[in-house]
C-alpha atoms as a PDB file:
ATOM      1  CA  MET A   1      -0.154  -0.030   0.289  1.00  0.00           C
ATOM      2  CA  ILE A   2       2.470   2.770   0.844  1.00  0.00           C
ATOM      3  CA  ALA A   3       4.135   1.560  -2.565  1.00  0.00           C
ATOM      4  CA  LEU A   4       1.201   3.875  -4.773  1.00  0.00           C
ATOM      5  CA  TYR A   5       1.616   6.630  -2.289  1.00  0.00           C
ATOM      6  CA  ASP A   6       5.475   6.846  -3.308  1.00  0.00           C
ATOM      7  CA  HIS A   7       4.323   6.279  -6.936  1.00  0.00           C
ATOM      8  CA  LEU A   8       1.669   9.232  -6.384  1.00  0.00           C
ATOM      9  CA  ASP A   9       3.807  11.479  -4.618  1.00  0.00           C
ATOM     10  CA  LYS A  10       6.757  11.459  -7.011  1.00  0.00           C
ATOM     11  CA  PHE A  11       3.904  11.832  -9.883  1.00  0.00           C
ATOM     12  CA  LEU A  12       2.646  15.354  -8.177  1.00  0.00           C
ATOM     13  CA  ASP A  13       5.996  15.999  -7.204  1.00  0.00           C
ATOM     14  CA  ASP A  14       7.113  15.915 -10.602  1.00  0.00           C
ATOM     15  CA  GLU A  15       4.115  17.536 -12.445  1.00  0.00           C
ATOM     16  CA  ASN A  16       4.406  20.326  -9.801  1.00  0.00           C
ATOM     17  CA  LYS A  17       8.113  21.735 -10.665  1.00  0.00           C
ATOM     18  CA  ARG A  18       6.944  20.977 -14.301  1.00  0.00           C
ATOM     19  CA  ARG A  19       4.162  23.439 -13.777  1.00  0.00           C
ATOM     20  CA  GLN A  20       6.539  26.392 -10.889  1.00  0.00           C
ATOM     21  CA  SER A  21       8.380  26.226 -14.779  1.00  0.00           C
ATOM     22  CA  ASP A  22       6.373  27.822 -17.158  1.00  0.00           C
ATOM     23  CA  ILE A  23       7.623  26.126 -20.209  1.00  0.00           C
ATOM     24  CA  PRO A  24       4.366  25.420 -22.736  1.00  0.00           C
ATOM     25  CA  LEU A  25       3.873  21.522 -23.979  1.00  0.00           C
ATOM     26  CA  ARG A  26       3.202  22.724 -27.484  1.00  0.00           C
ATOM     27  CA  HIS A  27       3.871  19.423 -29.043  1.00  0.00           C
ATOM     28  CA  LEU A  28       2.117  16.152 -29.188  1.00  0.00           C
ATOM     29  CA  VAL A  29       4.448  13.472 -30.190  1.00  0.00           C
ATOM     30  CA  SER A  30       2.410  11.152 -32.142  1.00  0.00           C
ATOM     31  CA  GLU A  31       1.261  14.397 -33.903  1.00  0.00           C
ATOM     32  CA  LEU A  32       5.282  15.333 -34.499  1.00  0.00           C
ATOM     33  CA  MET A  33       6.023  11.531 -35.326  1.00  0.00           C
ATOM     34  CA  ASP A  34       3.238  11.241 -37.889  1.00  0.00           C
ATOM     35  CA  ASN A  35       3.978  14.281 -39.666  1.00  0.00           C
ATOM     36  CA  LEU A  36       7.612  12.936 -40.268  1.00  0.00           C
ATOM     37  CA  GLY A  37       6.126   9.685 -41.581  1.00  0.00           C
ATOM     38  CA  TYR A  38       7.030   6.963 -38.533  1.00  0.00           C
ATOM     39  CA  ARG A  39       5.199   4.011 -39.002  1.00  0.00           C
ATOM     40  CA  ASP A  40       7.143   2.013 -36.478  1.00  0.00           C
ATOM     41  CA  ASP A  41       6.644   2.435 -32.659  1.00  0.00           C
ATOM     42  CA  ASN A  42       9.708   0.901 -31.765  1.00  0.00           C
ATOM     43  CA  ASP A  43      11.332   5.000 -33.640  1.00  0.00           C
ATOM     44  CA  VAL A  44       9.535   6.636 -31.106  1.00  0.00           C
ATOM     45  CA  HIS A  45      10.878   4.867 -28.838  1.00  0.00           C
ATOM     46  CA  GLU A  46      14.398   5.087 -29.331  1.00  0.00           C
ATOM     47  CA  ALA A  47      14.105   8.721 -29.738  1.00  0.00           C
ATOM     48  CA  LEU A  48      12.047   9.150 -26.401  1.00  0.00           C
ATOM     49  CA  THR A  49      14.923   7.031 -24.518  1.00  0.00           C
ATOM     50  CA  ARG A  50      17.579   9.040 -26.572  1.00  0.00           C
ATOM     51  CA  ALA A  51      16.351  12.335 -25.464  1.00  0.00           C
ATOM     52  CA  PHE A  52      15.884  11.242 -22.258  1.00  0.00           C
ATOM     53  CA  GLU A  53      19.738  10.310 -21.438  1.00  0.00           C
ATOM     54  CA  VAL A  54      20.305  13.863 -23.126  1.00  0.00           C
ATOM     55  CA  CYS A  55      18.137  15.049 -20.407  1.00  0.00           C
ATOM     56  CA  CYS A  56      20.295  13.299 -18.029  1.00  0.00           C
ATOM     57  CA  THR A  57      23.568  14.100 -18.337  1.00  0.00           C
ATOM     58  CA  LEU A  58      22.969  17.305 -19.100  1.00  0.00           C
ATOM     59  CA  GLN A  59      20.574  17.626 -15.600  1.00  0.00           C
ATOM     60  CA  ILE A  60      17.595  19.318 -17.669  1.00  0.00           C
ATOM     61  CA  SER A  61      14.383  18.201 -15.540  1.00  0.00           C
ATOM     62  CA  ILE A  62      12.730  15.386 -18.115  1.00  0.00           C
ATOM     63  CA  PRO A  63       8.883  16.731 -15.949  1.00  0.00           C
ATOM     64  CA  ALA A  64       9.615  20.111 -17.682  1.00  0.00           C
ATOM     65  CA  HIS A  65       9.761  18.988 -20.991  1.00  0.00           C
ATOM     66  CA  PHE A  66       8.103  15.705 -21.075  1.00  0.00           C
ATOM     67  CA  LYS A  67       4.271  14.830 -19.740  1.00  0.00           C
ATOM     68  CA  LYS A  68       3.451  11.464 -20.493  1.00  0.00           C
ATOM     69  CA  ILE A  69      -0.613  11.615 -21.477  1.00  0.00           C
ATOM     70  CA  TYR A  70      -3.295   8.375 -22.244  1.00  0.00           C
ATOM     71  CA  ARG A  71      -5.502   9.273 -25.286  1.00  0.00           C
ATOM     72  CA  PHE A  72      -8.358   7.725 -26.953  1.00  0.00           C
ATOM     73  CA  ASN A  73      -7.922   7.148 -30.747  1.00  0.00           C
ATOM     74  CA  ASP A  74     -10.374   4.043 -32.069  1.00  0.00           C
ATOM     75  CA  ASP A  75     -12.104   3.010 -28.961  1.00  0.00           C
ATOM     76  CA  ARG A  76      -8.586   2.184 -27.757  1.00  0.00           C
ATOM     77  CA  MET A  77      -6.404   4.166 -25.032  1.00  0.00           C
ATOM     78  CA  LYS A  78      -3.296   5.674 -26.552  1.00  0.00           C
ATOM     79  CA  VAL A  79       0.366   6.426 -24.615  1.00  0.00           C
ATOM     80  CA  ASP A  80       1.234   9.820 -25.740  1.00  0.00           C
ATOM     81  CA  TRP A  81       3.173  12.486 -25.119  1.00  0.00           C
ATOM     82  CA  GLN A  82       2.983  16.841 -24.475  1.00  0.00           C
ATOM     83  CA  VAL A  83       6.220  17.825 -25.475  1.00  0.00           C
ATOM     84  CA  SER A  84       8.179  21.672 -25.405  1.00  0.00           C
ATOM     85  CA  ASP A  85       9.541  22.934 -27.963  1.00  0.00           C
ATOM     86  CA  LEU A  86      12.626  21.373 -26.833  1.00  0.00           C
ATOM     87  CA  ALA A  87      12.168  18.162 -26.223  1.00  0.00           C
ATOM     88  CA  CYS A  88      10.625  18.502 -29.863  1.00  0.00           C
ATOM     89  CA  TYR A  89      13.938  19.053 -31.329  1.00  0.00           C
ATOM     90  CA  LEU A  90      15.771  16.425 -29.484  1.00  0.00           C
ATOM     91  CA  LEU A  91      13.067  13.963 -30.296  1.00  0.00           C
ATOM     92  CA  LEU A  92      14.011  14.770 -34.064  1.00  0.00           C
ATOM     93  CA  ILE A  93      17.670  15.219 -33.367  1.00  0.00           C
ATOM     94  CA  ASN A  94      18.010  11.261 -32.058  1.00  0.00           C
ATOM     95  CA  GLY A  95      14.718  10.150 -34.821  1.00  0.00           C
ATOM     96  CA  ASN A  96      15.888   7.140 -36.750  1.00  0.00           C
ATOM     97  CA  SER A  97      18.439   8.913 -39.979  1.00  0.00           C
ATOM     98  CA  CYS A  98      17.262   5.974 -42.126  1.00  0.00           C
ATOM     99  CA  ASN A  99      13.772   7.745 -42.217  1.00  0.00           C
ATOM    100  CA  PRO A 100      14.258   9.834 -45.192  1.00  0.00           C
ATOM    101  CA  ASN A 101      11.736  12.987 -43.072  1.00  0.00           C
ATOM    102  CA  ILE A 102      14.239  12.759 -40.570  1.00  0.00           C
ATOM    103  CA  ALA A 103      17.674  13.194 -42.198  1.00  0.00           C
ATOM    104  CA  ARG A 104      15.834  16.141 -43.946  1.00  0.00           C
ATOM    105  CA  ALA A 105      14.085  17.497 -41.037  1.00  0.00           C
ATOM    106  CA  GLN A 106      18.065  16.745 -38.947  1.00  0.00           C
ATOM    107  CA  LEU A 107      19.483  18.185 -41.828  1.00  0.00           C
ATOM    108  CA  LYS A 108      17.290  21.522 -41.586  1.00  0.00           C
ATOM    109  CA  ALA A 109      18.055  22.444 -38.163  1.00  0.00           C
ATOM    110  CA  ILE A 110      21.741  22.313 -38.272  1.00  0.00           C
ATOM    111  CA  VAL A 111      21.707  24.679 -40.709  1.00  0.00           C
ATOM    112  CA  PHE A 112      19.228  26.572 -39.129  1.00  0.00           C
ATOM    113  CA  SER A 113      21.658  26.730 -35.843  1.00  0.00           C
ATOM    114  CA  ARG A 114      23.913  27.976 -37.901  1.00  0.00           C
ATOM    115  CA  GLU A 115      22.133  30.718 -39.441  1.00  0.00           C
ATOM    116  CA  ARG A 116      21.679  31.793 -35.785  1.00  0.00           C
END
């Protein structure tokens, strides 16, 4: 019974940290991946894992940039993520570059960052 409350406490702490940061979570991972032509959920999972690793390495708050949500699609509940602009960029650069849409987007991101 105590473990249940430990998970709830952690969830509430993470949610409070995200709210205090005031970072807008304006993107949905499912929409981003659809727009980039992802067909394989494993590719999405790999991109998320790598993005989380970057955040851990650089001590960037994951709850401030990623929020796990649940959505209904065709009468089935699916996991999705609301993400910040930074998280969106991390997902893009950590995506599967064998996908031509991802490769083009990665190249554009590099060119755009150099132009600034």
